[in-house]
Amino acid sequence: MKKLSTKEIESHLSLLKGWKGINNTLLIKYKLSSFMEVMSFANLVSDRSEKLDHHPKIIIDYDTIVFELTTHSEGGITSLDIQLANFIHETYNELFITEQ
């Protein structure tokens, strides 16, 4: 697994609304309506993380969840981080974004 270039990361981030690339890490923060929603979301992400054998840093504070993704063995962002970010992004949109 190789570290992605800045240009590759920027290309992926253009499709991942709300995500930021900071210090070789992909970062997103979501505010949900309850602790139980946050925990359910965290559990879905942890299940996918186990399947990918790629584990994010997850910070939970009542109704807020933060995901930080990086590949420590490569010293930066790899395709595994992009895969997991896409899953998180799609899952959030499917579960928590309602059409107006």
PDB file of N, CA and C in Angstrom:
ATOM      1  N   MET A   1       0.854  -1.167   0.000  1.00  0.00           N
ATOM      2  CA  MET A   1       0.000   0.000   0.000  1.00  0.00           C
ATOM      3  C   MET A   1       0.897   1.226   0.000  1.00  0.00           C
ATOM      4  N   LYS A   2       0.696   2.097  -0.980  1.00  0.00           N
ATOM      5  CA  LYS A   2       1.551   3.293  -1.022  1.00  0.00           C
ATOM      6  C   LYS A   2       0.781   4.540  -0.612  1.00  0.00           C
ATOM      7  N   LYS A   3       1.517   5.463  -0.054  1.00  0.00           N
ATOM      8  CA  LYS A   3       0.974   6.758   0.340  1.00  0.00           C
ATOM      9  C   LYS A   3       0.535   7.517  -0.915  1.00  0.00           C
ATOM     10  N   LEU A   4      -0.638   8.142  -0.846  1.00  0.00           N
ATOM     11  CA  LEU A   4      -1.150   8.905  -1.977  1.00  0.00           C
ATOM     12  C   LEU A   4      -0.482  10.276  -2.051  1.00  0.00           C
ATOM     13  N   SER A   5      -0.392  10.798  -3.269  1.00  0.00           N
ATOM     14  CA  SER A   5       0.167  12.137  -3.465  1.00  0.00           C
ATOM     15  C   SER A   5      -0.858  13.184  -3.040  1.00  0.00           C
ATOM     16  N   THR A   6      -0.399  14.388  -2.836  1.00  0.00           N
ATOM     17  CA  THR A   6      -1.293  15.495  -2.480  1.00  0.00           C
ATOM     18  C   THR A   6      -2.365  15.676  -3.545  1.00  0.00           C
ATOM     19  N   LYS A   7      -1.989  15.574  -4.791  1.00  0.00           N
ATOM     20  CA  LYS A   7      -2.946  15.731  -5.893  1.00  0.00           C
ATOM     21  C   LYS A   7      -4.009  14.631  -5.860  1.00  0.00           C
ATOM     22  N   GLU A   8      -3.603  13.386  -5.599  1.00  0.00           N
ATOM     23  CA  GLU A   8      -4.557  12.275  -5.501  1.00  0.00           C
ATOM     24  C   GLU A   8      -5.517  12.485  -4.333  1.00  0.00           C
ATOM     25  N   ILE A   9      -4.981  12.927  -3.204  1.00  0.00           N
ATOM     26  CA  ILE A   9      -5.814  13.172  -2.013  1.00  0.00           C
ATOM     27  C   ILE A   9      -6.818  14.273  -2.303  1.00  0.00           C
ATOM     28  N   GLU A  10      -6.371  15.370  -2.893  1.00  0.00           N
ATOM     29  CA  GLU A  10      -7.267  16.486  -3.219  1.00  0.00           C
ATOM     30  C   GLU A  10      -8.376  16.050  -4.165  1.00  0.00           C
ATOM     31  N   SER A  11      -8.052  15.190  -5.113  1.00  0.00           N
ATOM     32  CA  SER A  11      -9.049  14.676  -6.056  1.00  0.00           C
ATOM     33  C   SER A  11     -10.136  13.900  -5.315  1.00  0.00           C
ATOM     34  N   HIS A  12      -9.745  13.051  -4.395  1.00  0.00           N
ATOM     35  CA  HIS A  12     -10.706  12.280  -3.605  1.00  0.00           C
ATOM     36  C   HIS A  12     -11.517  13.186  -2.679  1.00  0.00           C
ATOM     37  N   LEU A  13     -10.850  14.151  -2.059  1.00  0.00           N
ATOM     38  CA  LEU A  13     -11.538  15.048  -1.128  1.00  0.00           C
ATOM     39  C   LEU A  13     -12.596  15.896  -1.832  1.00  0.00           C
ATOM     40  N   SER A  14     -12.423  16.155  -3.112  1.00  0.00           N
ATOM     41  CA  SER A  14     -13.417  16.947  -3.847  1.00  0.00           C
ATOM     42  C   SER A  14     -14.759  16.224  -3.912  1.00  0.00           C
ATOM     43  N   LEU A  15     -14.745  14.906  -3.724  1.00  0.00           N
ATOM     44  CA  LEU A  15     -15.968  14.098  -3.752  1.00  0.00           C
ATOM     45  C   LEU A  15     -16.503  13.793  -2.352  1.00  0.00           C
ATOM     46  N   LEU A  16     -15.742  14.127  -1.338  1.00  0.00           N
ATOM     47  CA  LEU A  16     -16.100  13.810   0.047  1.00  0.00           C
ATOM     48  C   LEU A  16     -16.401  15.104   0.796  1.00  0.00           C
ATOM     49  N   LYS A  17     -17.622  15.590   0.658  1.00  0.00           N
ATOM     50  CA  LYS A  17     -18.018  16.859   1.266  1.00  0.00           C
ATOM     51  C   LYS A  17     -17.811  16.834   2.789  1.00  0.00           C
ATOM     52  N   GLY A  18     -17.126  17.851   3.273  1.00  0.00           N
ATOM     53  CA  GLY A  18     -16.906  17.984   4.714  1.00  0.00           C
ATOM     54  C   GLY A  18     -15.595  17.394   5.206  1.00  0.00           C
ATOM     55  N   TRP A  19     -14.982  16.516   4.418  1.00  0.00           N
ATOM     56  CA  TRP A  19     -13.727  15.902   4.825  1.00  0.00           C
ATOM     57  C   TRP A  19     -12.580  16.875   4.588  1.00  0.00           C
ATOM     58  N   LYS A  20     -11.576  16.792   5.462  1.00  0.00           N
ATOM     59  CA  LYS A  20     -10.383  17.624   5.323  1.00  0.00           C
ATOM     60  C   LYS A  20      -9.153  16.733   5.379  1.00  0.00           C
ATOM     61  N   GLY A  21      -8.129  17.142   4.679  1.00  0.00           N
ATOM     62  CA  GLY A  21      -6.827  16.486   4.764  1.00  0.00           C
ATOM     63  C   GLY A  21      -5.903  17.369   5.575  1.00  0.00           C
ATOM     64  N   ILE A  22      -5.547  16.924   6.780  1.00  0.00           N
ATOM     65  CA  ILE A  22      -4.707  17.719   7.678  1.00  0.00           C
ATOM     66  C   ILE A  22      -3.608  16.827   8.253  1.00  0.00           C
ATOM     67  N   ASN A  23      -2.361  17.247   8.084  1.00  0.00           N
ATOM     68  CA  ASN A  23      -1.212  16.520   8.662  1.00  0.00           C
ATOM     69  C   ASN A  23      -1.249  15.023   8.353  1.00  0.00           C
ATOM     70  N   ASN A  24      -1.368  14.679   7.078  1.00  0.00           N
ATOM     71  CA  ASN A  24      -1.374  13.277   6.645  1.00  0.00           C
ATOM     72  C   ASN A  24      -2.520  12.464   7.219  1.00  0.00           C
ATOM     73  N   THR A  25      -3.634  13.133   7.515  1.00  0.00           N
ATOM     74  CA  THR A  25      -4.808  12.482   8.090  1.00  0.00           C
ATOM     75  C   THR A  25      -6.061  13.011   7.418  1.00  0.00           C
ATOM     76  N   LEU A  26      -7.024  12.124   7.159  1.00  0.00           N
ATOM     77  CA  LEU A  26      -8.355  12.534   6.709  1.00  0.00           C
ATOM     78  C   LEU A  26      -9.207  12.719   7.955  1.00  0.00           C
ATOM     79  N   LEU A  27      -9.974  13.799   7.991  1.00  0.00           N
ATOM     80  CA  LEU A  27     -10.698  14.164   9.202  1.00  0.00           C
ATOM     81  C   LEU A  27     -12.111  14.629   8.865  1.00  0.00           C
ATOM     82  N   ILE A  28     -13.088  14.141   9.648  1.00  0.00           N
ATOM     83  CA  ILE A  28     -14.481  14.604   9.536  1.00  0.00           C
ATOM     84  C   ILE A  28     -15.101  14.607  10.925  1.00  0.00           C
ATOM     85  N   LYS A  29     -16.002  15.569  11.144  1.00  0.00           N
ATOM     86  CA  LYS A  29     -16.733  15.663  12.411  1.00  0.00           C
ATOM     87  C   LYS A  29     -18.216  15.765  12.077  1.00  0.00           C
ATOM     88  N   TYR A  30     -19.018  14.929  12.718  1.00  0.00           N
ATOM     89  CA  TYR A  30     -20.468  14.941  12.521  1.00  0.00           C
ATOM     90  C   TYR A  30     -21.159  15.212  13.855  1.00  0.00           C
ATOM     91  N   LYS A  31     -22.197  16.022  13.807  1.00  0.00           N
ATOM     92  CA  LYS A  31     -23.055  16.239  14.970  1.00  0.00           C
ATOM     93  C   LYS A  31     -24.379  15.542  14.657  1.00  0.00           C
ATOM     94  N   LEU A  32     -24.764  14.605  15.506  1.00  0.00           N
ATOM     95  CA  LEU A  32     -25.994  13.847  15.313  1.00  0.00           C
ATOM     96  C   LEU A  32     -26.995  14.246  16.392  1.00  0.00           C
ATOM     97  N   SER A  33     -28.159  13.624  16.399  1.00  0.00           N
ATOM     98  CA  SER A  33     -29.201  14.076  17.319  1.00  0.00           C
ATOM     99  C   SER A  33     -29.162  13.398  18.690  1.00  0.00           C
ATOM    100  N   SER A  34     -28.372  12.322  18.832  1.00  0.00           N
ATOM    101  CA  SER A  34     -28.341  11.656  20.140  1.00  0.00           C
ATOM    102  C   SER A  34     -27.083  10.801  20.279  1.00  0.00           C
ATOM    103  N   PHE A  35     -26.800  10.457  21.512  1.00  0.00           N
ATOM    104  CA  PHE A  35     -25.693   9.560  21.814  1.00  0.00           C
ATOM    105  C   PHE A  35     -25.898   8.197  21.148  1.00  0.00           C
ATOM    106  N   MET A  36     -27.125   7.701  21.161  1.00  0.00           N
ATOM    107  CA  MET A  36     -27.402   6.391  20.564  1.00  0.00           C
ATOM    108  C   MET A  36     -27.156   6.397  19.052  1.00  0.00           C
ATOM    109  N   GLU A  37     -27.483   7.495  18.377  1.00  0.00           N
ATOM    110  CA  GLU A  37     -27.171   7.596  16.946  1.00  0.00           C
ATOM    111  C   GLU A  37     -25.662   7.569  16.721  1.00  0.00           C
ATOM    112  N   VAL A  38     -24.934   8.307  17.552  1.00  0.00           N
ATOM    113  CA  VAL A  38     -23.475   8.324  17.445  1.00  0.00           C
ATOM    114  C   VAL A  38     -22.916   6.916  17.631  1.00  0.00           C
ATOM    115  N   MET A  39     -23.398   6.207  18.645  1.00  0.00           N
ATOM    116  CA  MET A  39     -22.886   4.863  18.921  1.00  0.00           C
ATOM    117  C   MET A  39     -23.244   3.884  17.803  1.00  0.00           C
ATOM    118  N   SER A  40     -24.439   3.988  17.272  1.00  0.00           N
ATOM    119  CA  SER A  40     -24.841   3.121  16.159  1.00  0.00           C
ATOM    120  C   SER A  40     -23.953   3.362  14.941  1.00  0.00           C
ATOM    121  N   PHE A  41     -23.701   4.630  14.647  1.00  0.00           N
ATOM    122  CA  PHE A  41     -22.835   4.996  13.526  1.00  0.00           C
ATOM    123  C   PHE A  41     -21.421   4.456  13.764  1.00  0.00           C
ATOM    124  N   ALA A  42     -20.903   4.636  14.964  1.00  0.00           N
ATOM    125  CA  ALA A  42     -19.570   4.135  15.298  1.00  0.00           C
ATOM    126  C   ALA A  42     -19.491   2.620  15.124  1.00  0.00           C
ATOM    127  N   ASN A  43     -20.549   1.915  15.509  1.00  0.00           N
ATOM    128  CA  ASN A  43     -20.552   0.455  15.367  1.00  0.00           C
ATOM    129  C   ASN A  43     -20.547   0.027  13.901  1.00  0.00           C
ATOM    130  N   LEU A  44     -21.295   0.723  13.050  1.00  0.00           N
ATOM    131  CA  LEU A  44     -21.277   0.411  11.621  1.00  0.00           C
ATOM    132  C   LEU A  44     -19.876   0.608  11.044  1.00  0.00           C
ATOM    133  N   VAL A  45     -19.241   1.701  11.430  1.00  0.00           N
ATOM    134  CA  VAL A  45     -17.892   1.981  10.931  1.00  0.00           C
ATOM    135  C   VAL A  45     -16.891   0.968  11.490  1.00  0.00           C
ATOM    136  N   SER A  46     -17.045   0.593  12.742  1.00  0.00           N
ATOM    137  CA  SER A  46     -16.109  -0.381  13.312  1.00  0.00           C
ATOM    138  C   SER A  46     -16.242  -1.744  12.637  1.00  0.00           C
ATOM    139  N   ASP A  47     -17.466  -2.134  12.274  1.00  0.00           N
ATOM    140  CA  ASP A  47     -17.654  -3.394  11.542  1.00  0.00           C
ATOM    141  C   ASP A  47     -16.924  -3.362  10.201  1.00  0.00           C
ATOM    142  N   ARG A  48     -17.080  -2.261   9.454  1.00  0.00           N
ATOM    143  CA  ARG A  48     -16.389  -2.147   8.165  1.00  0.00           C
ATOM    144  C   ARG A  48     -14.880  -2.087   8.358  1.00  0.00           C
ATOM    145  N   SER A  49     -14.437  -1.402   9.401  1.00  0.00           N
ATOM    146  CA  SER A  49     -13.007  -1.298   9.687  1.00  0.00           C
ATOM    147  C   SER A  49     -12.382  -2.662   9.934  1.00  0.00           C
ATOM    148  N   GLU A  50     -13.093  -3.514  10.647  1.00  0.00           N
ATOM    149  CA  GLU A  50     -12.604  -4.870  10.897  1.00  0.00           C
ATOM    150  C   GLU A  50     -12.465  -5.634   9.591  1.00  0.00           C
ATOM    151  N   LYS A  51     -13.454  -5.505   8.704  1.00  0.00           N
ATOM    152  CA  LYS A  51     -13.400  -6.204   7.409  1.00  0.00           C
ATOM    153  C   LYS A  51     -12.220  -5.723   6.566  1.00  0.00           C
ATOM    154  N   LEU A  52     -11.926  -4.435   6.650  1.00  0.00           N
ATOM    155  CA  LEU A  52     -10.798  -3.873   5.894  1.00  0.00           C
ATOM    156  C   LEU A  52      -9.463  -4.080   6.610  1.00  0.00           C
ATOM    157  N   ASP A  53      -9.514  -4.466   7.893  1.00  0.00           N
ATOM    158  CA  ASP A  53      -8.337  -4.535   8.758  1.00  0.00           C
ATOM    159  C   ASP A  53      -7.606  -3.186   8.738  1.00  0.00           C
ATOM    160  N   HIS A  54      -8.410  -2.128   8.871  1.00  0.00           N
ATOM    161  CA  HIS A  54      -7.882  -0.763   8.859  1.00  0.00           C
ATOM    162  C   HIS A  54      -8.742   0.062   9.815  1.00  0.00           C
ATOM    163  N   HIS A  55      -8.151   0.500  10.892  1.00  0.00           N
ATOM    164  CA  HIS A  55      -8.920   1.042  12.009  1.00  0.00           C
ATOM    165  C   HIS A  55      -8.694   2.532  12.205  1.00  0.00           C
ATOM    166  N   PRO A  56      -9.776   3.309  12.215  1.00  0.00           N
ATOM    167  CA  PRO A  56      -9.661   4.760  12.397  1.00  0.00           C
ATOM    168  C   PRO A  56      -9.579   5.134  13.869  1.00  0.00           C
ATOM    169  N   LYS A  57      -9.161   6.352  14.094  1.00  0.00           N
ATOM    170  CA  LYS A  57      -9.323   6.944  15.419  1.00  0.00           C
ATOM    171  C   LYS A  57     -10.737   7.491  15.442  1.00  0.00           C
ATOM    172  N   ILE A  58     -11.510   7.123  16.473  1.00  0.00           N
ATOM    173  CA  ILE A  58     -12.890   7.587  16.608  1.00  0.00           C
ATOM    174  C   ILE A  58     -13.009   8.302  17.953  1.00  0.00           C
ATOM    175  N   ILE A  59     -13.469   9.550  17.902  1.00  0.00           N
ATOM    176  CA  ILE A  59     -13.664  10.337  19.116  1.00  0.00           C
ATOM    177  C   ILE A  59     -15.162  10.578  19.272  1.00  0.00           C
ATOM    178  N   ILE A  60     -15.702  10.187  20.415  1.00  0.00           N
ATOM    179  CA  ILE A  60     -17.136  10.315  20.674  1.00  0.00           C
ATOM    180  C   ILE A  60     -17.339  11.248  21.856  1.00  0.00           C
ATOM    181  N   ASP A  61     -18.226  12.221  21.665  1.00  0.00           N
ATOM    182  CA  ASP A  61     -18.582  13.156  22.731  1.00  0.00           C
ATOM    183  C   ASP A  61     -20.077  13.432  22.639  1.00  0.00           C
ATOM    184  N   TYR A  62     -20.845  12.634  23.352  1.00  0.00           N
ATOM    185  CA  TYR A  62     -22.304  12.687  23.395  1.00  0.00           C
ATOM    186  C   TYR A  62     -22.942  12.645  22.010  1.00  0.00           C
ATOM    187  N   ASP A  63     -23.187  13.792  21.375  1.00  0.00           N
ATOM    188  CA  ASP A  63     -23.882  13.807  20.085  1.00  0.00           C
ATOM    189  C   ASP A  63     -22.948  14.135  18.923  1.00  0.00           C
ATOM    190  N   THR A  64     -21.640  14.024  19.165  1.00  0.00           N
ATOM    191  CA  THR A  64     -20.643  14.353  18.155  1.00  0.00           C
ATOM    192  C   THR A  64     -19.690  13.176  17.974  1.00  0.00           C
ATOM    193  N   ILE A  65     -19.337  12.918  16.719  1.00  0.00           N
ATOM    194  CA  ILE A  65     -18.363  11.871  16.422  1.00  0.00           C
ATOM    195  C   ILE A  65     -17.349  12.412  15.429  1.00  0.00           C
ATOM    196  N   VAL A  66     -16.085  12.129  15.702  1.00  0.00           N
ATOM    197  CA  VAL A  66     -14.989  12.551  14.841  1.00  0.00           C
ATOM    198  C   VAL A  66     -14.257  11.302  14.366  1.00  0.00           C
ATOM    199  N   PHE A  67     -13.978  11.251  13.061  1.00  0.00           N
ATOM    200  CA  PHE A  67     -13.185  10.167  12.487  1.00  0.00           C
ATOM    201  C   PHE A  67     -11.879  10.743  11.968  1.00  0.00           C
ATOM    202  N   GLU A  68     -10.773  10.102  12.329  1.00  0.00           N
ATOM    203  CA  GLU A  68      -9.455  10.463  11.818  1.00  0.00           C
ATOM    204  C   GLU A  68      -8.865   9.223  11.168  1.00  0.00           C
ATOM    205  N   LEU A  69      -8.524   9.341   9.887  1.00  0.00           N
ATOM    206  CA  LEU A  69      -8.026   8.203   9.126  1.00  0.00           C
ATOM    207  C   LEU A  69      -6.616   8.480   8.613  1.00  0.00           C
ATOM    208  N   THR A  70      -5.719   7.548   8.850  1.00  0.00           N
ATOM    209  CA  THR A  70      -4.370   7.593   8.302  1.00  0.00           C
ATOM    210  C   THR A  70      -3.820   6.173   8.299  1.00  0.00           C
ATOM    211  N   THR A  71      -2.818   5.937   7.494  1.00  0.00           N
ATOM    212  CA  THR A  71      -2.144   4.633   7.481  1.00  0.00           C
ATOM    213  C   THR A  71      -0.780   4.832   8.122  1.00  0.00           C
ATOM    214  N   HIS A  72      -0.682   4.472   9.380  1.00  0.00           N
ATOM    215  CA  HIS A  72       0.538   4.724  10.148  1.00  0.00           C
ATOM    216  C   HIS A  72       1.755   4.059   9.506  1.00  0.00           C
ATOM    217  N   SER A  73       1.597   2.839   8.981  1.00  0.00           N
ATOM    218  CA  SER A  73       2.734   2.123   8.404  1.00  0.00           C
ATOM    219  C   SER A  73       3.296   2.821   7.171  1.00  0.00           C
ATOM    220  N   GLU A  74       2.483   3.660   6.521  1.00  0.00           N
ATOM    221  CA  GLU A  74       2.943   4.394   5.335  1.00  0.00           C
ATOM    222  C   GLU A  74       3.208   5.869   5.630  1.00  0.00           C
ATOM    223  N   GLY A  75       2.875   6.306   6.827  1.00  0.00           N
ATOM    224  CA  GLY A  75       3.126   7.693   7.197  1.00  0.00           C
ATOM    225  C   GLY A  75       2.224   8.693   6.495  1.00  0.00           C
ATOM    226  N   GLY A  76       1.016   8.256   6.147  1.00  0.00           N
ATOM    227  CA  GLY A  76       0.100   9.182   5.484  1.00  0.00           C
ATOM    228  C   GLY A  76      -1.158   8.492   4.997  1.00  0.00           C
ATOM    229  N   ILE A  77      -1.789   9.119   4.025  1.00  0.00           N
ATOM    230  CA  ILE A  77      -3.083   8.671   3.516  1.00  0.00           C
ATOM    231  C   ILE A  77      -2.873   7.711   2.341  1.00  0.00           C
ATOM    232  N   THR A  78      -3.564   6.553   2.419  1.00  0.00           N
ATOM    233  CA  THR A  78      -3.495   5.557   1.356  1.00  0.00           C
ATOM    234  C   THR A  78      -4.900   5.257   0.836  1.00  0.00           C
ATOM    235  N   SER A  79      -4.976   4.365  -0.120  1.00  0.00           N
ATOM    236  CA  SER A  79      -6.279   3.990  -0.678  1.00  0.00           C
ATOM    237  C   SER A  79      -7.185   3.355   0.376  1.00  0.00           C
ATOM    238  N   LEU A  80      -6.634   2.719   1.400  1.00  0.00           N
ATOM    239  CA  LEU A  80      -7.459   2.172   2.483  1.00  0.00           C
ATOM    240  C   LEU A  80      -8.197   3.280   3.222  1.00  0.00           C
ATOM    241  N   ASP A  81      -7.516   4.392   3.443  1.00  0.00           N
ATOM    242  CA  ASP A  81      -8.160   5.530   4.105  1.00  0.00           C
ATOM    243  C   ASP A  81      -9.282   6.090   3.238  1.00  0.00           C
ATOM    244  N   ILE A  82      -9.046   6.159   1.937  1.00  0.00           N
ATOM    245  CA  ILE A  82     -10.070   6.650   1.005  1.00  0.00           C
ATOM    246  C   ILE A  82     -11.266   5.705   0.995  1.00  0.00           C
ATOM    247  N   GLN A  83     -11.006   4.404   0.972  1.00  0.00           N
ATOM    248  CA  GLN A  83     -12.096   3.414   1.005  1.00  0.00           C
ATOM    249  C   GLN A  83     -12.961   3.592   2.241  1.00  0.00           C
ATOM    250  N   LEU A  84     -12.323   3.718   3.390  1.00  0.00           N
ATOM    251  CA  LEU A  84     -13.067   3.849   4.642  1.00  0.00           C
ATOM    252  C   LEU A  84     -13.790   5.200   4.693  1.00  0.00           C
ATOM    253  N   ALA A  85     -13.144   6.258   4.228  1.00  0.00           N
ATOM    254  CA  ALA A  85     -13.797   7.575   4.189  1.00  0.00           C
ATOM    255  C   ALA A  85     -15.034   7.532   3.299  1.00  0.00           C
ATOM    256  N   ASN A  86     -14.934   6.860   2.171  1.00  0.00           N
ATOM    257  CA  ASN A  86     -16.096   6.728   1.280  1.00  0.00           C
ATOM    258  C   ASN A  86     -17.233   5.980   1.976  1.00  0.00           C
ATOM    259  N   PHE A  87     -16.909   4.906   2.684  1.00  0.00           N
ATOM    260  CA  PHE A  87     -17.932   4.166   3.416  1.00  0.00           C
ATOM    261  C   PHE A  87     -18.594   5.057   4.467  1.00  0.00           C
ATOM    262  N   ILE A  88     -17.786   5.773   5.241  1.00  0.00           N
ATOM    263  CA  ILE A  88     -18.317   6.654   6.286  1.00  0.00           C
ATOM    264  C   ILE A  88     -19.210   7.717   5.654  1.00  0.00           C
ATOM    265  N   HIS A  89     -18.739   8.336   4.597  1.00  0.00           N
ATOM    266  CA  HIS A  89     -19.476   9.391   3.898  1.00  0.00           C
ATOM    267  C   HIS A  89     -20.822   8.869   3.375  1.00  0.00           C
ATOM    268  N   GLU A  90     -20.790   7.733   2.687  1.00  0.00           N
ATOM    269  CA  GLU A  90     -22.016   7.156   2.122  1.00  0.00           C
ATOM    270  C   GLU A  90     -22.988   6.718   3.219  1.00  0.00           C
ATOM    271  N   THR A  91     -22.466   6.135   4.278  1.00  0.00           N
ATOM    272  CA  THR A  91     -23.312   5.689   5.383  1.00  0.00           C
ATOM    273  C   THR A  91     -23.972   6.875   6.074  1.00  0.00           C
ATOM    274  N   TYR A  92     -23.202   7.917   6.310  1.00  0.00           N
ATOM    275  CA  TYR A  92     -23.768   9.127   6.919  1.00  0.00           C
ATOM    276  C   TYR A  92     -24.884   9.685   6.034  1.00  0.00           C
ATOM    277  N   ASN A  93     -24.624   9.809   4.745  1.00  0.00           N
ATOM    278  CA  ASN A  93     -25.635  10.358   3.827  1.00  0.00           C
ATOM    279  C   ASN A  93     -26.888   9.485   3.773  1.00  0.00           C
ATOM    280  N   GLU A  94     -26.710   8.182   3.804  1.00  0.00           N
ATOM    281  CA  GLU A  94     -27.845   7.262   3.740  1.00  0.00           C
ATOM    282  C   GLU A  94     -28.685   7.315   5.017  1.00  0.00           C
ATOM    283  N   LEU A  95     -28.036   7.393   6.171  1.00  0.00           N
ATOM    284  CA  LEU A  95     -28.758   7.310   7.444  1.00  0.00           C
ATOM    285  C   LEU A  95     -29.232   8.649   8.008  1.00  0.00           C
ATOM    286  N   PHE A  96     -28.489   9.720   7.740  1.00  0.00           N
ATOM    287  CA  PHE A  96     -28.762  10.946   8.466  1.00  0.00           C
ATOM    288  C   PHE A  96     -29.126  12.151   7.598  1.00  0.00           C
ATOM    289  N   ILE A  97     -29.027  12.022   6.297  1.00  0.00           N
ATOM    290  CA  ILE A  97     -29.406  13.141   5.414  1.00  0.00           C
ATOM    291  C   ILE A  97     -30.779  12.832   4.833  1.00  0.00           C
ATOM    292  N   THR A  98     -31.723  13.709   5.129  1.00  0.00           N
ATOM    293  CA  THR A  98     -33.055  13.533   4.571  1.00  0.00           C
ATOM    294  C   THR A  98     -33.259  14.547   3.469  1.00  0.00           C
ATOM    295  N   GLU A  99     -33.925  14.126   2.429  1.00  0.00           N
ATOM    296  CA  GLU A  99     -34.189  15.030   1.308  1.00  0.00           C
ATOM    297  C   GLU A  99     -35.221  16.067   1.714  1.00  0.00           C
ATOM    298  N   GLN A 100     -34.996  17.262   1.255  1.00  0.00           N
ATOM    299  CA  GLN A 100     -35.900  18.383   1.592  1.00  0.00           C
ATOM    300  C   GLN A 100     -37.099  18.398   0.682  1.00  0.00           C
TER     301      GLN A 100
END
